[in-house]
Every structure is written in C-alpha cells, then in structure tokens.
Amino acid sequence: MQPPGFELPRVGVVITCHNYRDYVEDAIRSVLAQTYQKWHCVIVDDASTDGSADHIRRLLEAIDDPRFSLLARSQNGGQLESFRDGFAASDSPFVAFLDADDIWLPNFLVAHLAAHLNATRPASLSSSDVFLVDRDRSLLAGTYIQLRKPRSSLDGPGVGIIPGKQLGAMAPEIGYASDHPITYFKPGAYGWMWAPTSSMVFRRAALEPVLAFPFKARIGTDYLAATCAHLAAGSLLLSECLGLYRLHGANASTNIAYTGGNVQQSLAYRAHEMVMANDIVDYVVASAEQLAAANGRGFVPGFLSQHAKRFGSLGDDPRVMPFLGRRSRLRRLRKRFAKRLVWALRRLFGKA
C-alpha cells in the first residue's frame, strides 16, 4: 500500500502555570507520556512567586526534550494573557491547553485528534470527560457531570459520531477507536456543555479570533474560549475520561469541597460571571456578520435571546435589543414596565 498523501497534524500544547510548583511536574510528564508524539509544548509561567519558573527550568533540563519550552512572564497577566502567549508560540493547526494542576492520560491527544478527523462532523473544539481527583490524586468521581454527554434522553439534540476506519487504516498512529460515545453539538446548542480547560482541544482557526478579542475578564478563559469558538462550527464531546481534574481548594473557579454532582463555583467566581457574560455579548455583536454568514440570519438573534434569558439584566442591554425580534422587544418592554409599576406601588403604599 502506498503511503498516504498527507502529514498528520502537529498539536500545540500550552501548559499555564501560576504558583503551581507542587503540581506542574505531573502535568509536564503527562504530556511527555502521550501516545501521539507530534506535539510541541510551551509552559507559560505567569509570574509565579513560589519558584515555579526555576523548578520548571530544572525539570526541562533534566528531561532534555526540544519539544518543550518555557515562557516566563515578568508580570502577572491572568489566565487569558497566558493563553494568548502560549497560543502565539506555536502555529500548529490544533491547540490544547493544560492547567498546571491537571494531568492528561496517555491517549488524550490521539483520542481528540481521531475525533476531530472523523468522517462525519468537523468541529471547532472537542472536550472529553475527566476523572475528579484531590490534591494527592485520590479519586473523587468518575465523571464531570456538566459535560453534555449521553446520560439520558433529556440531554439535548446531539448527533452521534462514529469514528471512521479509513483514516486509521492509512495512518495507524491516529487510528484510535473508543468504546465511549462521541457527540456533536451544532453551534446553535447553547450553554456550558464542556469539561474544564484541560479537557479541550481547539482548531487554531476557530480560536484565533477569540483570543485576539479584547475581553475584559482575566479568568474564566475556558468559558470565553469554548463559548465563542463553538459558535463557528460546534463542538465534539468525548464521553471517555482522558484526564484528571484536580480539586485542591485553590482552583480559580472553585474552592469548595466536592460533595458529588456539579462542581460548585466559588462566590467570587459567580460574581465574575456577569463580566464574562458581557464579554460574550461584545464578541457576538462584533462578529455578527461572520456568524450570520456561517450559521444563517437568525443565528445571532437566537443566541443573544438565550444569553439574555440566562443573564436577565442583559435583556435591556442596548447592544442586545437591536438583534431581538419585535415580539421579544415588546415582551421585554412590558416586563420592564411591570417591574417599575410594582416598585412604584410598593413605595407609594409603603409610605402610606
């Protein structure tokens, strides 16, 4: 058989680290252990104060693999700036982000690439399930419950994806066949459907305009990146657990002990949600023409209507109103009038 007339894609891996000296070696070695070997990894240290950068330098000298490099920031810029710096350090067609306190299992990259290169539905990003562990890697849960994978008939209109055999026959190193379902969700599927940052692999072209956008949020980058990239071509969700998501009490989004079920967000992160919600509106409004061309004229109004419904105060936002239909605008105006009337009557009769 003649060799295939293509090269398998390289993956740019970005490990982001801020004061995770105790964990970052596990993350780095999990990249080194990947069964798919066509990757380059940049570790971005965001001005850590715990000696992380020096620890990483010594570790990389010991490993002595030219696929690794360290980018040490002189000033702390937050998670988004670390994403941007790591993204800019590579030109690979696929990009994966790994938080320094998390770990990939050996088949992480090959499983994601096999999913992306399926013969049914290309997508902007993929996300796989993860095991939840504590700081000492003791197992807490066998799934991340927010991942929108098949659990019951109530989980929404996803499309099942069957991995193609043709590519695996031509290039055995990418011929990964999982017994766990893969589901595709179109760009119109709304809401968080992914596992956290370390579960995601993006197509570079889908993520590039997202990371170039002037968001105001410094954290919650996985929410911004996944939500906005998803709008371009949808998401592939892998039901297989391909990594370890570590809950150690100092996570950016949660510092609450795991009680089962959903991973509870910290009060500070929940307060930050409106900043991110507004960032999403800015991005969608600025990209409205491109999104409409890709997904149809009603796509942007439909997304903004759902987004405003979830984040109630956005319903009266002058950025959102022009995209809503006449009925939606009238409905919101009636609600606003009713609220003000109730408030006025309470004040009147309260004083009386």
Protein backbone atom coordinates (compact mmCIF):
# COMPACT_ATOMS: atom_id res chain seq x y z
CA MET A 1 0.00 0.00 0.00
CA GLN A 2 1.29 3.43 -0.92
CA PRO A 3 1.85 5.84 2.00
CA PRO A 4 -0.93 8.42 2.39
CA GLY A 5 -0.56 11.76 0.64
CA PHE A 6 -0.79 13.80 3.84
CA GLU A 7 1.01 14.52 7.07
CA LEU A 8 -0.69 14.05 10.41
CA PRO A 9 -1.16 17.38 12.24
CA ARG A 10 1.05 18.75 14.94
CA VAL A 11 -0.61 19.84 18.18
CA GLY A 12 0.47 22.91 20.09
CA VAL A 13 0.24 22.19 23.81
CA VAL A 14 0.08 25.10 26.25
CA ILE A 15 0.55 24.49 29.98
CA THR A 16 -0.43 27.55 32.02
CA CYS A 17 1.08 27.88 35.48
CA HIS A 18 0.71 30.37 38.32
CA ASN A 19 2.01 29.27 41.72
CA TYR A 20 1.52 25.56 40.95
CA ARG A 21 5.07 24.43 41.70
CA ASP A 22 3.77 21.38 43.58
CA TYR A 23 1.74 20.12 40.62
CA VAL A 24 3.35 21.27 37.36
CA GLU A 25 5.75 18.31 37.03
CA ASP A 26 2.80 15.92 36.87
CA ALA A 27 1.30 17.98 34.04
CA ILE A 28 4.56 18.12 32.08
CA ARG A 29 5.25 14.41 32.41
CA SER A 30 1.69 13.60 31.30
CA VAL A 31 2.41 15.43 28.03
CA LEU A 32 5.68 13.54 27.64
CA ALA A 33 3.77 10.25 28.09
CA GLN A 34 1.32 10.89 25.22
CA THR A 35 0.99 8.06 22.71
CA TYR A 36 0.65 10.67 19.94
CA GLN A 37 4.07 12.24 19.59
CA LYS A 38 3.62 15.10 17.10
CA TRP A 39 3.38 17.96 19.57
CA HIS A 40 5.27 20.97 20.83
CA CYS A 41 4.66 22.15 24.39
CA VAL A 42 5.21 25.63 25.79
CA ILE A 43 4.84 26.14 29.55
CA VAL A 44 3.73 29.69 30.35
CA ASP A 45 4.62 30.73 33.88
CA ASP A 46 2.52 33.77 34.78
CA ALA A 47 4.98 35.48 37.14
CA SER A 48 4.68 32.85 39.87
CA THR A 49 6.00 33.78 43.30
CA ASP A 50 6.54 30.21 44.56
CA GLY A 51 9.58 29.33 42.46
CA SER A 52 7.59 27.59 39.72
CA ALA A 53 9.66 29.05 36.85
CA ASP A 54 13.02 27.88 38.27
CA HIS A 55 11.53 24.49 39.09
CA ILE A 56 10.28 24.14 35.50
CA ARG A 57 13.68 25.16 34.07
CA ARG A 58 15.46 22.49 36.09
CA LEU A 59 12.87 19.91 35.13
CA LEU A 60 13.12 20.69 31.40
CA GLU A 61 16.93 20.49 31.58
CA ALA A 62 16.61 17.03 33.10
CA ILE A 63 14.04 15.88 30.53
CA ASP A 64 16.09 17.34 27.65
CA ASP A 65 13.36 17.19 25.00
CA PRO A 66 13.42 20.00 22.41
CA ARG A 67 9.64 19.84 22.09
CA PHE A 68 9.37 21.62 25.47
CA SER A 69 9.99 25.31 26.06
CA LEU A 70 9.38 27.75 28.90
CA LEU A 71 7.94 31.21 28.57
CA ALA A 72 8.29 33.04 31.89
CA ARG A 73 6.24 36.21 32.13
CA SER A 74 7.78 39.08 34.11
CA GLN A 75 4.37 40.43 35.18
CA ASN A 76 1.20 38.59 36.12
CA GLY A 77 -1.36 38.97 33.34
CA GLY A 78 -4.01 36.44 34.31
CA GLN A 79 -5.17 33.27 32.62
CA LEU A 80 -6.25 34.95 29.38
CA GLU A 81 -2.84 36.52 28.77
CA SER A 82 -1.15 33.17 29.42
CA PHE A 83 -3.45 31.57 26.86
CA ARG A 84 -2.57 34.26 24.34
CA ASP A 85 1.18 33.97 24.88
CA GLY A 86 1.13 30.19 24.61
CA PHE A 87 -1.08 30.29 21.53
CA ALA A 88 1.25 32.75 19.82
CA ALA A 89 4.25 30.49 20.48
CA SER A 90 3.00 27.86 18.02
CA ASP A 91 1.48 27.67 14.55
CA SER A 92 0.05 24.15 14.92
CA PRO A 93 -3.42 23.59 13.40
CA PHE A 94 -4.69 22.17 16.71
CA VAL A 95 -4.08 23.68 20.16
CA ALA A 96 -4.65 22.08 23.56
CA PHE A 97 -4.48 23.81 26.94
CA LEU A 98 -3.48 22.04 30.13
CA ASP A 99 -3.74 23.69 33.53
CA ALA A 100 -0.57 23.05 35.53
CA ASP A 101 -2.52 21.36 38.32
CA ASP A 102 -4.20 18.84 35.98
CA ILE A 103 -2.99 15.66 34.23
CA TRP A 104 -3.65 14.02 30.87
CA LEU A 105 -3.96 10.28 30.45
CA PRO A 106 -1.68 8.84 27.70
CA ASN A 107 -4.36 8.66 24.99
CA PHE A 108 -5.63 12.23 25.42
CA LEU A 109 -4.17 13.70 22.23
CA VAL A 110 -4.74 10.72 19.95
CA ALA A 111 -8.37 10.39 21.06
CA HIS A 112 -9.09 14.07 20.44
CA LEU A 113 -7.38 14.10 17.06
CA ALA A 114 -9.21 10.95 15.97
CA ALA A 115 -12.47 12.66 16.95
CA HIS A 116 -11.61 15.89 15.10
CA LEU A 117 -10.62 13.96 11.98
CA ASN A 118 -13.83 11.92 11.88
CA ALA A 119 -15.61 11.49 8.54
CA THR A 120 -18.93 12.94 9.71
CA ARG A 121 -18.78 16.28 11.52
CA PRO A 122 -15.73 18.57 11.78
CA ALA A 123 -15.96 20.97 14.73
CA SER A 124 -14.26 23.98 16.29
CA LEU A 125 -13.31 22.23 19.51
CA SER A 126 -13.53 18.97 21.37
CA SER A 127 -13.92 18.26 25.07
CA SER A 128 -13.55 14.94 26.86
CA ASP A 129 -14.71 13.69 30.22
CA VAL A 130 -12.33 13.77 33.20
CA PHE A 131 -11.83 11.97 36.48
CA LEU A 132 -12.02 14.24 39.52
CA VAL A 133 -9.16 13.82 41.99
CA ASP A 134 -7.95 15.63 45.10
CA ARG A 135 -4.54 17.23 45.68
CA ASP A 136 -3.00 13.78 46.29
CA ARG A 137 -4.62 12.25 43.19
CA SER A 138 -7.15 10.24 45.19
CA LEU A 139 -10.19 9.59 43.01
CA LEU A 140 -13.31 11.62 43.88
CA ALA A 141 -15.57 11.00 40.88
CA GLY A 142 -15.62 9.09 37.60
CA THR A 143 -17.18 11.85 35.51
CA TYR A 144 -17.53 15.62 35.20
CA ILE A 145 -21.29 15.91 35.39
CA GLN A 146 -21.57 19.19 33.42
CA LEU A 147 -20.14 17.56 30.30
CA ARG A 148 -23.11 17.14 27.95
CA LYS A 149 -22.52 13.51 27.09
CA PRO A 150 -25.25 10.88 26.68
CA ARG A 151 -26.76 10.23 30.10
CA SER A 152 -30.49 10.15 29.36
CA SER A 153 -33.00 11.10 26.67
CA LEU A 154 -33.16 14.59 28.19
CA ASP A 155 -29.63 15.64 27.25
CA GLY A 156 -30.47 17.50 24.05
CA PRO A 157 -30.23 17.08 20.30
CA GLY A 158 -26.68 15.88 19.86
CA VAL A 159 -25.56 13.91 16.80
CA GLY A 160 -23.70 10.65 17.38
CA ILE A 161 -20.30 10.38 15.68
CA ILE A 162 -18.82 7.09 14.53
CA PRO A 163 -15.01 7.16 14.19
CA GLY A 164 -14.00 6.43 10.60
CA LYS A 165 -11.89 3.35 9.84
CA GLN A 166 -10.37 4.70 6.62
CA LEU A 167 -8.01 7.15 8.28
CA GLY A 168 -6.89 4.59 10.86
CA ALA A 169 -6.10 2.10 8.10
CA MET A 170 -3.99 4.68 6.24
CA ALA A 171 -2.27 6.12 9.33
CA PRO A 172 -2.34 3.61 12.24
CA GLU A 173 -0.92 6.11 14.74
CA ILE A 174 -4.17 8.09 14.56
CA GLY A 175 -6.45 5.06 14.35
CA TYR A 176 -7.88 5.39 17.84
CA ALA A 177 -11.19 3.60 18.41
CA SER A 178 -13.00 4.29 21.67
CA ASP A 179 -15.86 2.28 23.12
CA HIS A 180 -17.29 5.51 24.53
CA PRO A 181 -19.75 7.66 22.51
CA ILE A 182 -18.73 10.87 20.76
CA THR A 183 -21.45 13.50 20.31
CA TYR A 184 -21.52 16.53 18.04
CA PHE A 185 -23.45 19.67 19.01
CA LYS A 186 -24.17 22.32 16.41
CA PRO A 187 -23.25 26.00 17.01
CA GLY A 188 -26.86 26.70 17.97
CA ALA A 189 -26.64 24.48 21.07
CA TYR A 190 -26.48 26.98 23.94
CA GLY A 191 -24.91 26.86 27.38
CA TRP A 192 -21.95 25.25 29.08
CA MET A 193 -21.56 21.71 27.71
CA TRP A 194 -17.83 21.03 28.18
CA ALA A 195 -15.48 19.86 30.91
CA PRO A 196 -12.85 22.41 32.11
CA THR A 197 -9.82 23.79 30.27
CA SER A 198 -7.64 20.68 30.44
CA SER A 199 -10.26 18.63 28.57
CA MET A 200 -10.29 20.81 25.44
CA VAL A 201 -8.60 20.74 22.03
CA PHE A 202 -9.28 23.64 19.64
CA ARG A 203 -8.86 24.14 15.94
CA ARG A 204 -6.45 27.03 15.65
CA ALA A 205 -8.52 28.92 13.07
CA ALA A 206 -11.60 28.81 15.32
CA LEU A 207 -9.74 30.03 18.41
CA GLU A 208 -7.57 32.70 16.80
CA PRO A 209 -10.25 35.44 16.50
CA VAL A 210 -11.45 34.62 20.02
CA LEU A 211 -8.07 35.10 21.70
CA ALA A 212 -7.48 38.25 19.63
CA PHE A 213 -10.65 39.85 21.04
CA PRO A 214 -10.23 42.47 23.81
CA PHE A 215 -12.12 40.68 26.59
CA LYS A 216 -12.27 42.34 29.99
CA ALA A 217 -12.21 39.12 32.04
CA ARG A 218 -8.82 37.87 33.27
CA ILE A 219 -10.04 34.44 34.44
CA GLY A 220 -12.72 32.06 33.19
CA THR A 221 -10.88 31.80 29.89
CA ASP A 222 -12.23 28.30 29.20
CA TYR A 223 -15.78 29.71 29.29
CA LEU A 224 -14.92 32.55 26.92
CA ALA A 225 -12.83 30.39 24.57
CA ALA A 226 -15.21 27.44 24.37
CA THR A 227 -18.41 29.51 24.10
CA CYS A 228 -17.08 31.76 21.34
CA ALA A 229 -15.17 29.11 19.36
CA HIS A 230 -18.23 26.84 19.49
CA LEU A 231 -20.21 29.47 17.58
CA ALA A 232 -18.05 28.92 14.49
CA ALA A 233 -18.58 25.19 13.90
CA GLY A 234 -19.87 23.46 17.03
CA SER A 235 -18.31 21.00 19.49
CA LEU A 236 -17.37 17.34 19.72
CA LEU A 237 -17.89 15.83 23.17
CA LEU A 238 -15.95 12.68 24.03
CA SER A 239 -17.57 10.56 26.74
CA GLU A 240 -14.28 8.88 27.63
CA CYS A 241 -12.36 10.15 30.67
CA LEU A 242 -8.99 11.24 29.28
CA GLY A 243 -7.58 13.32 32.12
CA LEU A 244 -7.50 14.07 35.82
CA TYR A 245 -9.09 17.31 37.00
CA ARG A 246 -7.56 18.17 40.36
CA LEU A 247 -9.64 19.80 43.11
CA HIS A 248 -7.21 21.08 45.72
CA GLY A 249 -9.00 24.01 47.36
CA ALA A 250 -7.22 26.77 45.44
CA ASN A 251 -8.79 26.37 41.98
CA ALA A 252 -9.62 29.60 40.17
CA SER A 253 -13.31 28.77 39.77
CA THR A 254 -14.00 26.70 42.87
CA ASN A 255 -12.56 26.48 46.37
CA ILE A 256 -15.40 24.41 47.74
CA ALA A 257 -15.05 20.77 48.78
CA TYR A 258 -16.55 18.33 46.27
CA THR A 259 -19.86 16.94 47.54
CA GLY A 260 -20.90 14.98 44.46
CA GLY A 261 -22.87 16.21 41.46
CA ASN A 262 -21.89 19.51 39.88
CA VAL A 263 -18.59 21.12 40.81
CA GLN A 264 -19.73 24.12 42.84
CA GLN A 265 -18.32 27.52 41.89
CA SER A 266 -16.87 29.89 44.44
CA LEU A 267 -18.80 33.06 45.33
CA ALA A 268 -16.05 35.20 43.80
CA TYR A 269 -16.25 33.30 40.50
CA ARG A 270 -20.05 33.54 40.42
CA ALA A 271 -19.79 37.29 40.92
CA HIS A 272 -17.37 37.35 37.99
CA GLU A 273 -19.89 35.65 35.69
CA MET A 274 -21.52 38.92 34.62
CA VAL A 275 -18.17 40.25 33.42
CA MET A 276 -17.81 37.18 31.23
CA ALA A 277 -21.45 37.36 30.10
CA ASN A 278 -20.89 40.92 28.91
CA ASP A 279 -17.68 39.86 27.18
CA ILE A 280 -19.63 37.23 25.25
CA VAL A 281 -22.16 39.85 24.11
CA ASP A 282 -19.34 42.12 22.93
CA TYR A 283 -17.79 39.27 20.95
CA VAL A 284 -21.04 38.11 19.34
CA VAL A 285 -22.14 41.63 18.37
CA ALA A 286 -18.70 42.40 16.90
CA SER A 287 -18.74 39.07 14.98
CA ALA A 288 -22.41 39.19 13.98
CA GLU A 289 -21.79 39.44 10.25
CA GLN A 290 -19.42 36.45 10.14
CA LEU A 291 -21.64 34.35 12.42
CA ALA A 292 -24.70 35.09 10.30
CA ALA A 293 -22.82 34.14 7.13
CA ALA A 294 -21.76 30.82 8.69
CA ASN A 295 -24.97 29.88 10.51
CA GLY A 296 -27.85 31.84 8.97
CA ARG A 297 -29.50 35.19 9.54
CA GLY A 298 -31.45 34.15 12.64
CA PHE A 299 -28.42 32.70 14.45
CA VAL A 300 -27.19 35.81 16.28
CA PRO A 301 -30.68 36.91 17.47
CA GLY A 302 -31.33 33.35 18.66
CA PHE A 303 -28.07 33.18 20.60
CA LEU A 304 -28.47 36.62 22.18
CA SER A 305 -32.05 35.85 23.15
CA GLN A 306 -30.93 32.71 25.02
CA HIS A 307 -27.96 34.55 26.55
CA ALA A 308 -30.20 37.39 27.76
CA LYS A 309 -32.63 34.87 29.20
CA ARG A 310 -29.86 33.25 31.22
CA PHE A 311 -28.34 36.55 32.37
CA GLY A 312 -31.53 38.53 32.99
CA SER A 313 -30.07 42.03 33.18
CA LEU A 314 -28.73 41.67 29.62
CA GLY A 315 -32.30 41.73 28.29
CA ASP A 316 -32.36 45.53 28.45
CA ASP A 317 -28.84 45.95 27.10
CA PRO A 318 -28.80 48.37 24.13
CA ARG A 319 -26.26 46.09 22.43
CA VAL A 320 -28.71 43.20 22.52
CA MET A 321 -32.05 44.88 21.80
CA PRO A 322 -31.48 45.60 18.07
CA PHE A 323 -30.90 41.90 17.42
CA LEU A 324 -34.09 40.73 19.11
CA GLY A 325 -37.33 40.32 17.19
CA ARG A 326 -40.17 42.82 17.56
CA ARG A 327 -42.15 40.47 19.80
CA SER A 328 -39.16 39.87 22.06
CA ARG A 329 -38.54 43.61 22.38
CA LEU A 330 -42.19 44.31 23.21
CA ARG A 331 -42.23 41.47 25.73
CA ARG A 332 -39.16 42.85 27.48
CA LEU A 333 -40.56 46.37 27.47
CA ARG A 334 -43.78 45.10 29.09
CA LYS A 335 -41.78 43.23 31.74
CA ARG A 336 -39.69 46.31 32.44
CA PHE A 337 -42.82 48.48 32.74
CA ALA A 338 -44.48 45.93 35.06
CA LYS A 339 -41.42 45.81 37.34
CA ARG A 340 -41.28 49.59 37.57
CA LEU A 341 -45.02 49.78 38.26
CA VAL A 342 -44.75 47.22 41.07
CA TRP A 343 -41.77 49.09 42.53
CA ALA A 344 -43.66 52.42 42.38
CA LEU A 345 -46.78 50.96 44.00
CA ARG A 346 -44.73 49.40 46.81
CA ARG A 347 -43.07 52.72 47.51
CA LEU A 348 -46.40 54.54 47.40
CA PHE A 349 -48.25 52.19 49.72
CA GLY A 350 -45.20 51.63 51.87
CA LYS A 351 -45.04 55.32 52.63
CA ALA A 352 -48.78 55.46 53.12
